[in-house]
Amino acid sequence: MSLKMTAPTTLPTCSELVGFAQLLELVGLEAGQVQEIIGLGWVEPSRTGADEFLFQRNDVYRLIKLTRICRDLEISYLGGSIIVDLVDQVERLEARIRELEQLL
């Protein structure tokens, strides 16, 4: 008897969404801390049919930045979120400047 291996017709795709428990593990925050940040409106997760939070992968990186800034500067999540937003805006503007310089 020989086993015949066939390749699947479609491969599963990597999800761009991260569940609440996985986010806590990746970012190193407690559930209450993430809920506080959600309450600030700084991240806006979607919800599953079971009413569980789903976060974008970009949220993970932003939350890591936020926790590091808040820890290093000993500031609140509100203050840290303002700093992260400003840093993100500066990075976007610098990238746009580089694009425009290439056109010259």
PDB file of N, CA and C in Angstrom:
ATOM      1  N   MET A   1       0.840  -1.171   0.000  1.00  0.00           N
ATOM      2  CA  MET A   1       0.000   0.000   0.000  1.00  0.00           C
ATOM      3  C   MET A   1       0.888   1.238   0.000  1.00  0.00           C
ATOM      4  N   SER A   2       0.701   2.119  -0.940  1.00  0.00           N
ATOM      5  CA  SER A   2       1.491   3.341  -0.989  1.00  0.00           C
ATOM      6  C   SER A   2       0.611   4.539  -0.649  1.00  0.00           C
ATOM      7  N   LEU A   3       1.220   5.473   0.037  1.00  0.00           N
ATOM      8  CA  LEU A   3       0.508   6.705   0.373  1.00  0.00           C
ATOM      9  C   LEU A   3       0.783   7.729  -0.709  1.00  0.00           C
ATOM     10  N   LYS A   4      -0.240   8.320  -1.191  1.00  0.00           N
ATOM     11  CA  LYS A   4      -0.089   9.337  -2.219  1.00  0.00           C
ATOM     12  C   LYS A   4      -0.285  10.702  -1.578  1.00  0.00           C
ATOM     13  N   MET A   5       0.731  11.515  -1.645  1.00  0.00           N
ATOM     14  CA  MET A   5       0.670  12.852  -1.065  1.00  0.00           C
ATOM     15  C   MET A   5       0.280  13.834  -2.152  1.00  0.00           C
ATOM     16  N   THR A   6      -0.678  14.621  -1.868  1.00  0.00           N
ATOM     17  CA  THR A   6      -1.070  15.663  -2.818  1.00  0.00           C
ATOM     18  C   THR A   6      -0.974  17.003  -2.129  1.00  0.00           C
ATOM     19  N   ALA A   7      -0.608  17.983  -2.884  1.00  0.00           N
ATOM     20  CA  ALA A   7      -0.510  19.335  -2.341  1.00  0.00           C
ATOM     21  C   ALA A   7      -1.904  19.918  -2.182  1.00  0.00           C
ATOM     22  N   PRO A   8      -2.120  20.680  -1.138  1.00  0.00           N
ATOM     23  CA  PRO A   8      -3.427  21.299  -0.976  1.00  0.00           C
ATOM     24  C   PRO A   8      -3.673  22.299  -2.104  1.00  0.00           C
ATOM     25  N   THR A   9      -4.930  22.462  -2.437  1.00  0.00           N
ATOM     26  CA  THR A   9      -5.258  23.396  -3.518  1.00  0.00           C
ATOM     27  C   THR A   9      -5.080  24.834  -3.080  1.00  0.00           C
ATOM     28  N   THR A  10      -5.321  25.117  -1.810  1.00  0.00           N
ATOM     29  CA  THR A  10      -5.084  26.467  -1.286  1.00  0.00           C
ATOM     30  C   THR A  10      -4.420  26.358   0.064  1.00  0.00           C
ATOM     31  N   LEU A  11      -3.471  27.205   0.296  1.00  0.00           N
ATOM     32  CA  LEU A  11      -2.783  27.229   1.576  1.00  0.00           C
ATOM     33  C   LEU A  11      -3.486  28.203   2.502  1.00  0.00           C
ATOM     34  N   PRO A  12      -3.459  27.935   3.799  1.00  0.00           N
ATOM     35  CA  PRO A  12      -4.072  28.894   4.723  1.00  0.00           C
ATOM     36  C   PRO A  12      -3.296  30.206   4.693  1.00  0.00           C
ATOM     37  N   THR A  13      -4.001  31.285   4.855  1.00  0.00           N
ATOM     38  CA  THR A  13      -3.350  32.588   4.855  1.00  0.00           C
ATOM     39  C   THR A  13      -3.066  33.025   6.277  1.00  0.00           C
ATOM     40  N   CYS A  14      -2.026  33.777   6.433  1.00  0.00           N
ATOM     41  CA  CYS A  14      -1.663  34.313   7.737  1.00  0.00           C
ATOM     42  C   CYS A  14      -2.638  35.429   8.091  1.00  0.00           C
ATOM     43  N   SER A  15      -3.204  35.365   9.254  1.00  0.00           N
ATOM     44  CA  SER A  15      -4.166  36.373   9.673  1.00  0.00           C
ATOM     45  C   SER A  15      -3.453  37.660  10.027  1.00  0.00           C
ATOM     46  N   GLU A  16      -4.065  38.751   9.672  1.00  0.00           N
ATOM     47  CA  GLU A  16      -3.540  40.058  10.044  1.00  0.00           C
ATOM     48  C   GLU A  16      -4.104  40.492  11.391  1.00  0.00           C
ATOM     49  N   LEU A  17      -4.939  39.670  11.995  1.00  0.00           N
ATOM     50  CA  LEU A  17      -5.559  40.006  13.270  1.00  0.00           C
ATOM     51  C   LEU A  17      -4.955  39.193  14.400  1.00  0.00           C
ATOM     52  N   VAL A  18      -4.892  39.805  15.568  1.00  0.00           N
ATOM     53  CA  VAL A  18      -4.310  39.184  16.754  1.00  0.00           C
ATOM     54  C   VAL A  18      -5.375  39.174  17.843  1.00  0.00           C
ATOM     55  N   GLY A  19      -5.559  38.037  18.486  1.00  0.00           N
ATOM     56  CA  GLY A  19      -6.526  37.928  19.572  1.00  0.00           C
ATOM     57  C   GLY A  19      -6.039  38.602  20.839  1.00  0.00           C
ATOM     58  N   PHE A  20      -6.966  38.823  21.760  1.00  0.00           N
ATOM     59  CA  PHE A  20      -6.673  39.533  23.003  1.00  0.00           C
ATOM     60  C   PHE A  20      -5.589  38.832  23.814  1.00  0.00           C
ATOM     61  N   ALA A  21      -5.712  37.535  24.019  1.00  0.00           N
ATOM     62  CA  ALA A  21      -4.733  36.787  24.820  1.00  0.00           C
ATOM     63  C   ALA A  21      -3.351  36.828  24.164  1.00  0.00           C
ATOM     64  N   GLN A  22      -3.324  36.697  22.844  1.00  0.00           N
ATOM     65  CA  GLN A  22      -2.045  36.745  22.131  1.00  0.00           C
ATOM     66  C   GLN A  22      -1.430  38.134  22.237  1.00  0.00           C
ATOM     67  N   LEU A  23      -2.259  39.168  22.163  1.00  0.00           N
ATOM     68  CA  LEU A  23      -1.764  40.538  22.299  1.00  0.00           C
ATOM     69  C   LEU A  23      -1.126  40.743  23.665  1.00  0.00           C
ATOM     70  N   LEU A  24      -1.784  40.278  24.708  1.00  0.00           N
ATOM     71  CA  LEU A  24      -1.233  40.424  26.060  1.00  0.00           C
ATOM     72  C   LEU A  24       0.138  39.774  26.163  1.00  0.00           C
ATOM     73  N   GLU A  25       0.269  38.604  25.562  1.00  0.00           N
ATOM     74  CA  GLU A  25       1.542  37.887  25.588  1.00  0.00           C
ATOM     75  C   GLU A  25       2.618  38.628  24.793  1.00  0.00           C
ATOM     76  N   LEU A  26       2.262  39.121  23.627  1.00  0.00           N
ATOM     77  CA  LEU A  26       3.235  39.801  22.765  1.00  0.00           C
ATOM     78  C   LEU A  26       3.702  41.134  23.335  1.00  0.00           C
ATOM     79  N   VAL A  27       2.790  41.850  23.959  1.00  0.00           N
ATOM     80  CA  VAL A  27       3.084  43.205  24.423  1.00  0.00           C
ATOM     81  C   VAL A  27       3.551  43.229  25.872  1.00  0.00           C
ATOM     82  N   GLY A  28       3.159  42.230  26.652  1.00  0.00           N
ATOM     83  CA  GLY A  28       3.570  42.179  28.047  1.00  0.00           C
ATOM     84  C   GLY A  28       2.733  43.055  28.960  1.00  0.00           C
ATOM     85  N   LEU A  29       1.488  43.276  28.588  1.00  0.00           N
ATOM     86  CA  LEU A  29       0.580  44.056  29.419  1.00  0.00           C
ATOM     87  C   LEU A  29      -0.447  43.148  30.070  1.00  0.00           C
ATOM     88  N   GLU A  30      -1.111  43.674  31.073  1.00  0.00           N
ATOM     89  CA  GLU A  30      -2.212  42.965  31.707  1.00  0.00           C
ATOM     90  C   GLU A  30      -3.510  43.390  31.034  1.00  0.00           C
ATOM     91  N   ALA A  31      -4.544  42.576  31.190  1.00  0.00           N
ATOM     92  CA  ALA A  31      -5.824  42.842  30.535  1.00  0.00           C
ATOM     93  C   ALA A  31      -6.371  44.225  30.886  1.00  0.00           C
ATOM     94  N   GLY A  32      -6.286  44.606  32.147  1.00  0.00           N
ATOM     95  CA  GLY A  32      -6.797  45.913  32.570  1.00  0.00           C
ATOM     96  C   GLY A  32      -6.061  47.068  31.922  1.00  0.00           C
ATOM     97  N   GLN A  33      -4.757  46.899  31.708  1.00  0.00           N
ATOM     98  CA  GLN A  33      -3.977  47.950  31.061  1.00  0.00           C
ATOM     99  C   GLN A  33      -4.418  48.135  29.609  1.00  0.00           C
ATOM    100  N   VAL A  34      -4.621  47.031  28.908  1.00  0.00           N
ATOM    101  CA  VAL A  34      -5.065  47.114  27.514  1.00  0.00           C
ATOM    102  C   VAL A  34      -6.468  47.708  27.457  1.00  0.00           C
ATOM    103  N   GLN A  35      -7.315  47.335  28.390  1.00  0.00           N
ATOM    104  CA  GLN A  35      -8.663  47.900  28.411  1.00  0.00           C
ATOM    105  C   GLN A  35      -8.628  49.399  28.678  1.00  0.00           C
ATOM    106  N   GLU A  36      -7.695  49.853  29.494  1.00  0.00           N
ATOM    107  CA  GLU A  36      -7.525  51.289  29.735  1.00  0.00           C
ATOM    108  C   GLU A  36      -7.131  52.002  28.446  1.00  0.00           C
ATOM    109  N   ILE A  37      -6.217  51.410  27.694  1.00  0.00           N
ATOM    110  CA  ILE A  37      -5.756  52.000  26.436  1.00  0.00           C
ATOM    111  C   ILE A  37      -6.889  52.007  25.413  1.00  0.00           C
ATOM    112  N   ILE A  38      -7.678  50.947  25.380  1.00  0.00           N
ATOM    113  CA  ILE A  38      -8.843  50.907  24.491  1.00  0.00           C
ATOM    114  C   ILE A  38      -9.817  52.005  24.895  1.00  0.00           C
ATOM    115  N   GLY A  39      -9.997  52.196  26.199  1.00  0.00           N
ATOM    116  CA  GLY A  39     -10.883  53.243  26.705  1.00  0.00           C
ATOM    117  C   GLY A  39     -10.450  54.641  26.284  1.00  0.00           C
ATOM    118  N   LEU A  40      -9.148  54.833  26.102  1.00  0.00           N
ATOM    119  CA  LEU A  40      -8.638  56.119  25.620  1.00  0.00           C
ATOM    120  C   LEU A  40      -8.964  56.326  24.138  1.00  0.00           C
ATOM    121  N   GLY A  41      -9.332  55.240  23.466  1.00  0.00           N
ATOM    122  CA  GLY A  41      -9.604  55.317  22.032  1.00  0.00           C
ATOM    123  C   GLY A  41      -8.345  55.292  21.186  1.00  0.00           C
ATOM    124  N   TRP A  42      -7.231  54.922  21.796  1.00  0.00           N
ATOM    125  CA  TRP A  42      -5.961  54.930  21.071  1.00  0.00           C
ATOM    126  C   TRP A  42      -5.831  53.739  20.140  1.00  0.00           C
ATOM    127  N   VAL A  43      -6.359  52.618  20.547  1.00  0.00           N
ATOM    128  CA  VAL A  43      -6.501  51.462  19.658  1.00  0.00           C
ATOM    129  C   VAL A  43      -7.981  51.122  19.602  1.00  0.00           C
ATOM    130  N   GLU A  44      -8.430  50.703  18.452  1.00  0.00           N
ATOM    131  CA  GLU A  44      -9.838  50.383  18.272  1.00  0.00           C
ATOM    132  C   GLU A  44      -9.968  48.985  17.676  1.00  0.00           C
ATOM    133  N   PRO A  45      -9.935  47.969  18.551  1.00  0.00           N
ATOM    134  CA  PRO A  45     -10.023  46.599  18.050  1.00  0.00           C
ATOM    135  C   PRO A  45     -11.406  46.296  17.492  1.00  0.00           C
ATOM    136  N   SER A  46     -11.444  45.348  16.583  1.00  0.00           N
ATOM    137  CA  SER A  46     -12.742  44.857  16.125  1.00  0.00           C
ATOM    138  C   SER A  46     -13.162  43.758  17.099  1.00  0.00           C
ATOM    139  N   ARG A  47     -14.384  43.271  16.932  1.00  0.00           N
ATOM    140  CA  ARG A  47     -14.890  42.235  17.835  1.00  0.00           C
ATOM    141  C   ARG A  47     -15.378  41.037  17.033  1.00  0.00           C
ATOM    142  N   THR A  48     -15.223  39.877  17.630  1.00  0.00           N
ATOM    143  CA  THR A  48     -15.718  38.652  17.008  1.00  0.00           C
ATOM    144  C   THR A  48     -17.192  38.501  17.349  1.00  0.00           C
ATOM    145  N   GLY A  49     -17.817  37.489  16.773  1.00  0.00           N
ATOM    146  CA  GLY A  49     -19.199  37.189  17.105  1.00  0.00           C
ATOM    147  C   GLY A  49     -19.362  36.816  18.572  1.00  0.00           C
ATOM    148  N   ALA A  50     -18.287  36.300  19.178  1.00  0.00           N
ATOM    149  CA  ALA A  50     -18.301  35.936  20.599  1.00  0.00           C
ATOM    150  C   ALA A  50     -17.908  37.126  21.473  1.00  0.00           C
ATOM    151  N   ASP A  51     -17.865  38.328  20.884  1.00  0.00           N
ATOM    152  CA  ASP A  51     -17.563  39.577  21.581  1.00  0.00           C
ATOM    153  C   ASP A  51     -16.143  39.627  22.148  1.00  0.00           C
ATOM    154  N   GLU A  52     -15.198  38.991  21.444  1.00  0.00           N
ATOM    155  CA  GLU A  52     -13.799  39.052  21.842  1.00  0.00           C
ATOM    156  C   GLU A  52     -13.070  40.038  20.948  1.00  0.00           C
ATOM    157  N   PHE A  53     -12.058  40.699  21.516  1.00  0.00           N
ATOM    158  CA  PHE A  53     -11.299  41.699  20.775  1.00  0.00           C
ATOM    159  C   PHE A  53     -10.357  41.057  19.763  1.00  0.00           C
ATOM    160  N   LEU A  54     -10.241  41.695  18.596  1.00  0.00           N
ATOM    161  CA  LEU A  54      -9.235  41.353  17.595  1.00  0.00           C
ATOM    162  C   LEU A  54      -8.488  42.636  17.234  1.00  0.00           C
ATOM    163  N   PHE A  55      -7.165  42.559  17.262  1.00  0.00           N
ATOM    164  CA  PHE A  55      -6.317  43.718  17.013  1.00  0.00           C
ATOM    165  C   PHE A  55      -5.572  43.563  15.693  1.00  0.00           C
ATOM    166  N   GLN A  56      -5.285  44.680  15.059  1.00  0.00           N
ATOM    167  CA  GLN A  56      -4.450  44.695  13.865  1.00  0.00           C
ATOM    168  C   GLN A  56      -3.001  44.464  14.291  1.00  0.00           C
ATOM    169  N   ARG A  57      -2.207  43.878  13.410  1.00  0.00           N
ATOM    170  CA  ARG A  57      -0.786  43.662  13.732  1.00  0.00           C
ATOM    171  C   ARG A  57      -0.086  44.985  14.029  1.00  0.00           C
ATOM    172  N   ASN A  58      -0.476  46.044  13.354  1.00  0.00           N
ATOM    173  CA  ASN A  58       0.109  47.362  13.604  1.00  0.00           C
ATOM    174  C   ASN A  58      -0.145  47.806  15.044  1.00  0.00           C
ATOM    175  N   ASP A  59      -1.288  47.416  15.612  1.00  0.00           N
ATOM    176  CA  ASP A  59      -1.588  47.750  17.008  1.00  0.00           C
ATOM    177  C   ASP A  59      -0.549  47.151  17.943  1.00  0.00           C
ATOM    178  N   VAL A  60      -0.080  45.952  17.628  1.00  0.00           N
ATOM    179  CA  VAL A  60       0.926  45.289  18.473  1.00  0.00           C
ATOM    180  C   VAL A  60       2.180  46.143  18.531  1.00  0.00           C
ATOM    181  N   TYR A  61       2.675  46.590  17.372  1.00  0.00           N
ATOM    182  CA  TYR A  61       3.895  47.396  17.336  1.00  0.00           C
ATOM    183  C   TYR A  61       3.705  48.730  18.046  1.00  0.00           C
ATOM    184  N   ARG A  62       2.552  49.347  17.849  1.00  0.00           N
ATOM    185  CA  ARG A  62       2.277  50.624  18.502  1.00  0.00           C
ATOM    186  C   ARG A  62       2.185  50.448  20.018  1.00  0.00           C
ATOM    187  N   LEU A  63       1.579  49.354  20.471  1.00  0.00           N
ATOM    188  CA  LEU A  63       1.472  49.113  21.908  1.00  0.00           C
ATOM    189  C   LEU A  63       2.832  48.814  22.529  1.00  0.00           C
ATOM    190  N   ILE A  64       3.694  48.142  21.794  1.00  0.00           N
ATOM    191  CA  ILE A  64       5.050  47.902  22.293  1.00  0.00           C
ATOM    192  C   ILE A  64       5.780  49.238  22.457  1.00  0.00           C
ATOM    193  N   LYS A  65       5.661  50.125  21.456  1.00  0.00           N
ATOM    194  CA  LYS A  65       6.259  51.459  21.568  1.00  0.00           C
ATOM    195  C   LYS A  65       5.696  52.198  22.772  1.00  0.00           C
ATOM    196  N   LEU A  66       4.376  52.140  22.919  1.00  0.00           N
ATOM    197  CA  LEU A  66       3.712  52.842  24.007  1.00  0.00           C
ATOM    198  C   LEU A  66       4.198  52.359  25.365  1.00  0.00           C
ATOM    199  N   THR A  67       4.247  51.054  25.558  1.00  0.00           N
ATOM    200  CA  THR A  67       4.654  50.526  26.868  1.00  0.00           C
ATOM    201  C   THR A  67       6.102  50.878  27.179  1.00  0.00           C
ATOM    202  N   ARG A  68       6.940  50.863  26.167  1.00  0.00           N
ATOM    203  CA  ARG A  68       8.345  51.199  26.402  1.00  0.00           C
ATOM    204  C   ARG A  68       8.496  52.671  26.776  1.00  0.00           C
ATOM    205  N   ILE A  69       7.826  53.550  26.041  1.00  0.00           N
ATOM    206  CA  ILE A  69       7.901  54.987  26.336  1.00  0.00           C
ATOM    207  C   ILE A  69       7.349  55.282  27.727  1.00  0.00           C
ATOM    208  N   CYS A  70       6.202  54.688  28.046  1.00  0.00           N
ATOM    209  CA  CYS A  70       5.595  54.929  29.360  1.00  0.00           C
ATOM    210  C   CYS A  70       6.492  54.431  30.484  1.00  0.00           C
ATOM    211  N   ARG A  71       7.092  53.272  30.280  1.00  0.00           N
ATOM    212  CA  ARG A  71       7.988  52.713  31.299  1.00  0.00           C
ATOM    213  C   ARG A  71       9.251  53.563  31.439  1.00  0.00           C
ATOM    214  N   ASP A  72       9.891  53.876  30.297  1.00  0.00           N
ATOM    215  CA  ASP A  72      11.158  54.604  30.339  1.00  0.00           C
ATOM    216  C   ASP A  72      11.010  56.024  30.877  1.00  0.00           C
ATOM    217  N   LEU A  73       9.915  56.693  30.513  1.00  0.00           N
ATOM    218  CA  LEU A  73       9.719  58.082  30.931  1.00  0.00           C
ATOM    219  C   LEU A  73       8.843  58.208  32.176  1.00  0.00           C
ATOM    220  N   GLU A  74       8.341  57.060  32.647  1.00  0.00           N
ATOM    221  CA  GLU A  74       7.463  57.031  33.818  1.00  0.00           C
ATOM    222  C   GLU A  74       6.285  57.988  33.653  1.00  0.00           C
ATOM    223  N   ILE A  75       5.561  57.804  32.541  1.00  0.00           N
ATOM    224  CA  ILE A  75       4.397  58.642  32.249  1.00  0.00           C
ATOM    225  C   ILE A  75       3.163  57.769  32.040  1.00  0.00           C
ATOM    226  N   SER A  76       2.014  58.415  32.005  1.00  0.00           N
ATOM    227  CA  SER A  76       0.742  57.707  31.831  1.00  0.00           C
ATOM    228  C   SER A  76       0.586  57.230  30.390  1.00  0.00           C
ATOM    229  N   TYR A  77      -0.407  56.344  30.195  1.00  0.00           N
ATOM    230  CA  TYR A  77      -0.705  55.887  28.839  1.00  0.00           C
ATOM    231  C   TYR A  77      -1.194  57.040  27.964  1.00  0.00           C
ATOM    232  N   LEU A  78      -1.896  57.989  28.548  1.00  0.00           N
ATOM    233  CA  LEU A  78      -2.367  59.131  27.770  1.00  0.00           C
ATOM    234  C   LEU A  78      -1.184  59.934  27.242  1.00  0.00           C
ATOM    235  N   GLY A  79      -0.242  60.252  28.114  1.00  0.00           N
ATOM    236  CA  GLY A  79       0.949  60.989  27.685  1.00  0.00           C
ATOM    237  C   GLY A  79       1.773  60.203  26.679  1.00  0.00           C
ATOM    238  N   GLY A  80       1.922  58.910  26.932  1.00  0.00           N
ATOM    239  CA  GLY A  80       2.687  58.065  26.010  1.00  0.00           C
ATOM    240  C   GLY A  80       2.021  57.954  24.653  1.00  0.00           C
ATOM    241  N   SER A  81       0.693  57.889  24.638  1.00  0.00           N
ATOM    242  CA  SER A  81      -0.010  57.768  23.350  1.00  0.00           C
ATOM    243  C   SER A  81       0.185  59.014  22.503  1.00  0.00           C
ATOM    244  N   ILE A  82       0.231  60.177  23.140  1.00  0.00           N
ATOM    245  CA  ILE A  82       0.482  61.425  22.404  1.00  0.00           C
ATOM    246  C   ILE A  82       1.880  61.383  21.793  1.00  0.00           C
ATOM    247  N   ILE A  83       2.858  60.936  22.553  1.00  0.00           N
ATOM    248  CA  ILE A  83       4.231  60.856  22.055  1.00  0.00           C
ATOM    249  C   ILE A  83       4.326  59.880  20.890  1.00  0.00           C
ATOM    250  N   VAL A  84       3.736  58.691  21.024  1.00  0.00           N
ATOM    251  CA  VAL A  84       3.796  57.694  19.946  1.00  0.00           C
ATOM    252  C   VAL A  84       3.134  58.238  18.687  1.00  0.00           C
ATOM    253  N   ASP A  85       1.989  58.898  18.833  1.00  0.00           N
ATOM    254  CA  ASP A  85       1.316  59.478  17.666  1.00  0.00           C
ATOM    255  C   ASP A  85       2.199  60.516  16.987  1.00  0.00           C
ATOM    256  N   LEU A  86       2.870  61.347  17.767  1.00  0.00           N
ATOM    257  CA  LEU A  86       3.755  62.365  17.192  1.00  0.00           C
ATOM    258  C   LEU A  86       4.962  61.732  16.505  1.00  0.00           C
ATOM    259  N   VAL A  87       5.549  60.714  17.119  1.00  0.00           N
ATOM    260  CA  VAL A  87       6.686  60.023  16.507  1.00  0.00           C
ATOM    261  C   VAL A  87       6.265  59.370  15.190  1.00  0.00           C
ATOM    262  N   ASP A  88       5.090  58.733  15.178  1.00  0.00           N
ATOM    263  CA  ASP A  88       4.582  58.125  13.944  1.00  0.00           C
ATOM    264  C   ASP A  88       4.382  59.173  12.855  1.00  0.00           C
ATOM    265  N   GLN A  89       3.854  60.325  13.248  1.00  0.00           N
ATOM    266  CA  GLN A  89       3.638  61.395  12.271  1.00  0.00           C
ATOM    267  C   GLN A  89       4.961  61.916  11.715  1.00  0.00           C
ATOM    268  N   VAL A  90       5.956  62.080  12.556  1.00  0.00           N
ATOM    269  CA  VAL A  90       7.275  62.527  12.104  1.00  0.00           C
ATOM    270  C   VAL A  90       7.868  61.501  11.139  1.00  0.00           C
ATOM    271  N   GLU A  91       7.741  60.211  11.450  1.00  0.00           N
ATOM    272  CA  GLU A  91       8.271  59.162  10.572  1.00  0.00           C
ATOM    273  C   GLU A  91       7.587  59.194   9.207  1.00  0.00           C
ATOM    274  N   ARG A  92       6.267  59.398   9.190  1.00  0.00           N
ATOM    275  CA  ARG A  92       5.547  59.484   7.906  1.00  0.00           C
ATOM    276  C   ARG A  92       5.993  60.704   7.112  1.00  0.00           C
ATOM    277  N   LEU A  93       6.179  61.830   7.793  1.00  0.00           N
ATOM    278  CA  LEU A  93       6.615  63.052   7.108  1.00  0.00           C
ATOM    279  C   LEU A  93       8.036  62.906   6.565  1.00  0.00           C
ATOM    280  N   GLU A  94       8.912  62.265   7.337  1.00  0.00           N
ATOM    281  CA  GLU A  94      10.279  62.039   6.854  1.00  0.00           C
ATOM    282  C   GLU A  94      10.291  61.134   5.633  1.00  0.00           C
ATOM    283  N   ALA A  95       9.453  60.109   5.638  1.00  0.00           N
ATOM    284  CA  ALA A  95       9.359  59.213   4.475  1.00  0.00           C
ATOM    285  C   ALA A  95       8.850  59.974   3.261  1.00  0.00           C
ATOM    286  N   ARG A  96       7.880  60.841   3.470  1.00  0.00           N
ATOM    287  CA  ARG A  96       7.334  61.649   2.360  1.00  0.00           C
ATOM    288  C   ARG A  96       8.387  62.602   1.816  1.00  0.00           C
ATOM    289  N   ILE A  97       9.191  63.188   2.682  1.00  0.00           N
ATOM    290  CA  ILE A  97      10.277  64.080   2.248  1.00  0.00           C
ATOM    291  C   ILE A  97      11.277  63.305   1.400  1.00  0.00           C
ATOM    292  N   ARG A  98      11.631  62.090   1.821  1.00  0.00           N
ATOM    293  CA  ARG A  98      12.567  61.271   1.031  1.00  0.00           C
ATOM    294  C   ARG A  98      11.991  60.973  -0.348  1.00  0.00           C
ATOM    295  N   GLU A  99      10.692  60.675  -0.407  1.00  0.00           N
ATOM    296  CA  GLU A  99      10.040  60.434  -1.700  1.00  0.00           C
ATOM    297  C   GLU A  99      10.125  61.654  -2.596  1.00  0.00           C
ATOM    298  N   LEU A 100       9.845  62.797  -2.037  1.00  0.00           N
ATOM    299  CA  LEU A 100       9.870  64.050  -2.825  1.00  0.00           C
ATOM    300  C   LEU A 100      11.282  64.406  -3.258  1.00  0.00           C
ATOM    301  N   GLU A 101      12.277  64.146  -2.411  1.00  0.00           N
ATOM    302  CA  GLU A 101      13.661  64.410  -2.784  1.00  0.00           C
ATOM    303  C   GLU A 101      14.110  63.542  -3.947  1.00  0.00           C
ATOM    304  N   GLN A 102      13.584  62.324  -4.031  1.00  0.00           N
ATOM    305  CA  GLN A 102      13.933  61.435  -5.148  1.00  0.00           C
ATOM    306  C   GLN A 102      13.366  61.940  -6.460  1.00  0.00           C
ATOM    307  N   LEU A 103      12.299  62.706  -6.399  1.00  0.00           N
ATOM    308  CA  LEU A 103      11.692  63.242  -7.613  1.00  0.00           C
ATOM    309  C   LEU A 103      12.460  64.436  -8.186  1.00  0.00           C
ATOM    310  N   LEU A 104      13.284  65.058  -7.358  1.00  0.00           N
ATOM    311  CA  LEU A 104      14.052  66.227  -7.808  1.00  0.00           C
ATOM    312  C   LEU A 104      15.236  65.835  -8.655  1.00  0.00           C
TER     313      LEU A 104
END
